[in-house]
Amino acid sequence: VKKEVGDVTILVNNAGIVTGKTFIDSPESLVEKSMEVNIMAHFWTYKAFLPAMVAANHGHLVSIASAAGIIGVNGLSDYCASKFAAVGFAESVDFEMRVLEKSGIKTTIVCPYFINTGMFDGCRSKWPRLLPGLEPEFVAEKIMTAIRRDQEILLLPRILYFLLVLKHVLPVKLTVLFLDYFGNLRIMDTFKGRAKKD
């Protein structure tokens, strides 16, 4: 890309895969693949494109993580680990740019609930009015708006901001009861995932 296009000023890390198995049932090869795609790819793209952004003090780093990158989900241990890593990595690099006084380099971390792309087919919220599956076009529009506004973090739907605050304020036992009430402890029970192509 650097040879054909040159320096990149907006980097969007959006690749992601999901095994949809409990930790005990996840083969090591799939766990490794989740890590390679969901977080290691972020390291390599930042290594490739961030130095030119730093030199120019201009650029925007967009990390498409997940709501599963801010709260653990039963049946998504490897996915959550990789998405928590994506959030932490993007946040840390943002802090590094601030310390280096590279104010022209912006960071946007995106943590959406399930997007209706087929990746999480079969998963349904117990309360779809509060936690609906999101349409890709809606998410893309919100991401573009967040980039234009230099918004540091974008949680979709908006109720996730409230749930994130509760997670950090409530005792763990109460958080678990809350998650159970919303059906999130069993959200992966009906997981099918994207149909495999022949």
Protein backbone atom coordinates (compact mmCIF):
# COMPACT_ATOMS: atom_id res chain seq x y z
CA VAL A 1 0.00 0.00 0.00
CA LYS A 2 2.84 2.39 0.87
CA LYS A 3 4.44 1.72 -2.53
CA GLU A 4 1.23 2.12 -4.52
CA VAL A 5 -0.58 4.81 -2.53
CA GLY A 6 2.07 6.49 -0.38
CA ASP A 7 1.54 7.77 3.13
CA VAL A 8 -1.82 7.04 4.75
CA THR A 9 -3.52 9.78 6.75
CA ILE A 10 -6.54 7.78 8.00
CA LEU A 11 -5.98 4.20 9.13
CA VAL A 12 -9.08 2.13 9.90
CA ASN A 13 -8.41 -1.24 11.53
CA ASN A 14 -11.64 -3.15 10.95
CA ALA A 15 -10.74 -6.80 10.36
CA GLY A 16 -12.26 -9.23 12.82
CA ILE A 17 -13.13 -12.89 13.28
CA VAL A 18 -15.02 -14.79 15.95
CA THR A 19 -14.84 -18.47 16.94
CA GLY A 20 -18.03 -18.38 19.04
CA LYS A 21 -16.88 -21.18 21.32
CA THR A 22 -16.28 -21.28 25.06
CA PHE A 23 -12.64 -21.06 26.13
CA ILE A 24 -12.53 -24.77 27.02
CA ASP A 25 -13.90 -25.73 23.57
CA SER A 26 -11.73 -23.34 21.51
CA PRO A 27 -8.94 -25.06 19.61
CA GLU A 28 -5.56 -23.37 20.06
CA SER A 29 -5.32 -22.70 16.33
CA LEU A 30 -8.56 -20.68 16.38
CA VAL A 31 -7.50 -18.75 19.49
CA GLU A 32 -4.21 -17.85 17.76
CA LYS A 33 -6.05 -16.84 14.59
CA SER A 34 -8.39 -14.59 16.61
CA MET A 35 -5.38 -12.85 18.14
CA GLU A 36 -3.59 -12.52 14.79
CA VAL A 37 -6.58 -10.95 13.03
CA ASN A 38 -8.21 -9.00 15.86
CA ILE A 39 -5.16 -7.41 17.50
CA MET A 40 -1.80 -8.33 15.96
CA ALA A 41 -2.94 -6.80 12.66
CA HIS A 42 -3.34 -3.47 14.52
CA PHE A 43 0.29 -3.60 15.63
CA TRP A 44 1.56 -4.23 12.10
CA THR A 45 -0.57 -1.55 10.42
CA TYR A 46 0.40 1.03 13.07
CA LYS A 47 4.07 0.09 12.62
CA ALA A 48 3.71 0.57 8.87
CA PHE A 49 1.79 3.86 8.81
CA LEU A 50 2.22 5.68 12.14
CA PRO A 51 5.83 6.86 11.60
CA ALA A 52 4.80 9.00 8.59
CA MET A 53 1.87 10.40 10.60
CA VAL A 54 4.27 11.31 13.41
CA ALA A 55 6.70 12.96 10.99
CA ALA A 56 3.87 15.07 9.53
CA ASN A 57 2.00 15.48 12.85
CA HIS A 58 -1.13 14.60 10.90
CA GLY A 59 -3.34 11.52 10.80
CA HIS A 60 -6.25 9.64 12.30
CA LEU A 61 -6.14 6.14 13.80
CA VAL A 62 -9.50 4.37 13.90
CA SER A 63 -9.80 1.12 15.83
CA ILE A 64 -12.99 -0.85 15.27
CA ALA A 65 -13.13 -2.86 18.47
CA SER A 66 -16.38 -4.09 20.05
CA ALA A 67 -18.64 -3.75 23.06
CA ALA A 68 -16.96 -7.08 23.89
CA GLY A 69 -13.79 -5.02 24.28
CA ILE A 70 -15.18 -3.22 27.31
CA ILE A 71 -17.09 -6.02 29.06
CA GLY A 72 -16.54 -9.78 29.05
CA VAL A 73 -19.05 -12.05 27.32
CA ASN A 74 -19.69 -15.73 28.02
CA GLY A 75 -18.63 -17.78 24.98
CA LEU A 76 -16.37 -15.05 23.57
CA SER A 77 -13.22 -15.33 25.71
CA ASP A 78 -10.69 -15.15 22.86
CA TYR A 79 -12.72 -12.50 21.02
CA CYS A 80 -13.08 -10.39 24.18
CA ALA A 81 -9.37 -10.72 24.95
CA SER A 82 -8.45 -9.52 21.47
CA LYS A 83 -10.95 -6.64 21.52
CA PHE A 84 -9.94 -5.54 25.04
CA ALA A 85 -6.38 -5.54 23.65
CA ALA A 86 -7.46 -3.44 20.66
CA VAL A 87 -9.06 -0.86 22.98
CA GLY A 88 -6.04 -0.76 25.31
CA PHE A 89 -3.56 -0.60 22.44
CA ALA A 90 -5.35 2.27 20.69
CA GLU A 91 -5.74 4.16 23.96
CA SER A 92 -2.06 3.70 24.83
CA VAL A 93 -0.86 4.89 21.42
CA ASP A 94 -3.16 7.91 21.77
CA PHE A 95 -1.47 8.73 25.10
CA GLU A 96 1.96 8.29 23.48
CA MET A 97 1.01 10.81 20.78
CA ARG A 98 -0.16 13.28 23.46
CA VAL A 99 3.11 12.95 25.39
CA LEU A 100 5.04 13.49 22.12
CA GLU A 101 2.86 16.57 21.57
CA LYS A 102 1.61 15.21 18.25
CA SER A 103 -1.74 16.96 18.53
CA GLY A 104 -2.39 16.46 14.80
CA ILE A 105 -2.74 12.69 15.25
CA LYS A 106 -6.24 11.76 16.39
CA THR A 107 -7.61 8.45 17.68
CA THR A 108 -11.13 7.09 17.51
CA ILE A 109 -11.97 3.82 19.28
CA VAL A 110 -15.26 2.26 18.15
CA CYS A 111 -17.09 -0.25 20.37
CA PRO A 112 -20.34 -1.36 18.76
CA TYR A 113 -22.79 -4.00 19.93
CA PHE A 114 -23.53 -6.76 17.36
CA ILE A 115 -23.59 -5.46 13.79
CA ASN A 116 -25.91 -7.28 11.38
CA THR A 117 -23.17 -8.51 9.04
CA GLY A 118 -23.67 -12.24 9.62
CA MET A 119 -20.65 -12.50 11.91
CA PHE A 120 -22.90 -12.94 14.97
CA ASP A 121 -25.90 -14.56 13.30
CA GLY A 122 -28.18 -16.26 15.79
CA CYS A 123 -27.33 -13.90 18.66
CA ARG A 124 -30.29 -11.86 19.83
CA SER A 125 -30.63 -9.42 22.68
CA LYS A 126 -33.26 -10.18 25.31
CA TRP A 127 -34.22 -6.48 25.09
CA PRO A 128 -33.77 -5.50 21.40
CA ARG A 129 -35.17 -1.99 21.96
CA LEU A 130 -32.31 -1.26 24.36
CA LEU A 131 -29.61 -3.38 22.70
CA PRO A 132 -30.57 -3.85 19.06
CA GLY A 133 -28.50 -5.49 16.36
CA LEU A 134 -26.98 -2.59 14.43
CA GLU A 135 -27.21 -2.03 10.68
CA PRO A 136 -23.81 -1.65 8.96
CA GLU A 137 -24.82 1.58 7.20
CA PHE A 138 -25.87 3.16 10.50
CA VAL A 139 -22.58 2.18 12.15
CA ALA A 140 -20.53 3.45 9.20
CA GLU A 141 -22.33 6.79 9.31
CA LYS A 142 -21.72 7.14 13.06
CA ILE A 143 -18.04 6.26 12.61
CA MET A 144 -17.61 8.87 9.86
CA THR A 145 -19.25 11.50 12.08
CA ALA A 146 -16.98 10.51 15.00
CA ILE A 147 -13.88 10.82 12.79
CA ARG A 148 -14.94 14.26 11.54
CA ARG A 149 -15.51 15.39 15.14
CA ASP A 150 -12.23 13.87 16.42
CA GLN A 151 -14.30 11.85 18.90
CA GLU A 152 -12.01 9.65 21.00
CA ILE A 153 -14.50 6.86 21.76
CA LEU A 154 -17.75 5.80 20.14
CA LEU A 155 -20.04 3.28 21.84
CA LEU A 156 -23.07 2.02 19.90
CA PRO A 157 -25.88 2.01 20.85
CA ARG A 158 -25.66 4.93 23.27
CA ILE A 159 -26.93 2.88 26.23
CA LEU A 160 -23.45 1.30 26.32
CA TYR A 161 -22.09 4.52 27.86
CA PHE A 162 -24.48 4.02 30.78
CA LEU A 163 -23.69 0.30 31.06
CA LEU A 164 -19.95 0.99 31.02
CA VAL A 165 -20.30 3.44 33.91
CA LEU A 166 -22.39 0.89 35.84
CA LYS A 167 -19.75 -1.79 35.27
CA HIS A 168 -17.14 0.38 36.95
CA VAL A 169 -19.39 1.54 39.81
CA LEU A 170 -21.43 -1.53 40.77
CA PRO A 171 -20.05 -4.49 42.74
CA VAL A 172 -19.28 -7.51 40.54
CA LYS A 173 -22.20 -9.59 41.88
CA LEU A 174 -24.63 -6.81 41.02
CA THR A 175 -23.07 -6.40 37.57
CA VAL A 176 -23.54 -10.14 36.94
CA LEU A 177 -27.22 -9.88 37.97
CA PHE A 178 -27.61 -6.89 35.67
CA LEU A 179 -25.98 -8.76 32.73
CA ASP A 180 -28.15 -11.80 33.41
CA TYR A 181 -31.28 -9.62 33.40
CA PHE A 182 -30.29 -8.20 30.01
CA GLY A 183 -29.63 -11.74 28.74
CA ASN A 184 -25.96 -11.10 28.01
CA LEU A 185 -24.72 -14.10 29.98
CA ARG A 186 -26.42 -16.40 27.47
CA ILE A 187 -26.27 -14.27 24.31
CA MET A 188 -23.94 -16.76 22.58
CA ASP A 189 -26.19 -19.77 23.30
CA THR A 190 -27.94 -19.28 19.95
CA PHE A 191 -24.81 -18.26 18.01
CA LYS A 192 -24.59 -19.62 14.45
CA GLY A 193 -22.15 -17.19 12.87
CA ARG A 194 -21.69 -16.46 9.21
CA ALA A 195 -22.45 -19.40 6.95
CA LYS A 196 -19.31 -20.91 5.44
CA LYS A 197 -18.95 -20.54 1.68
CA ASP A 198 -18.25 -23.69 -0.34
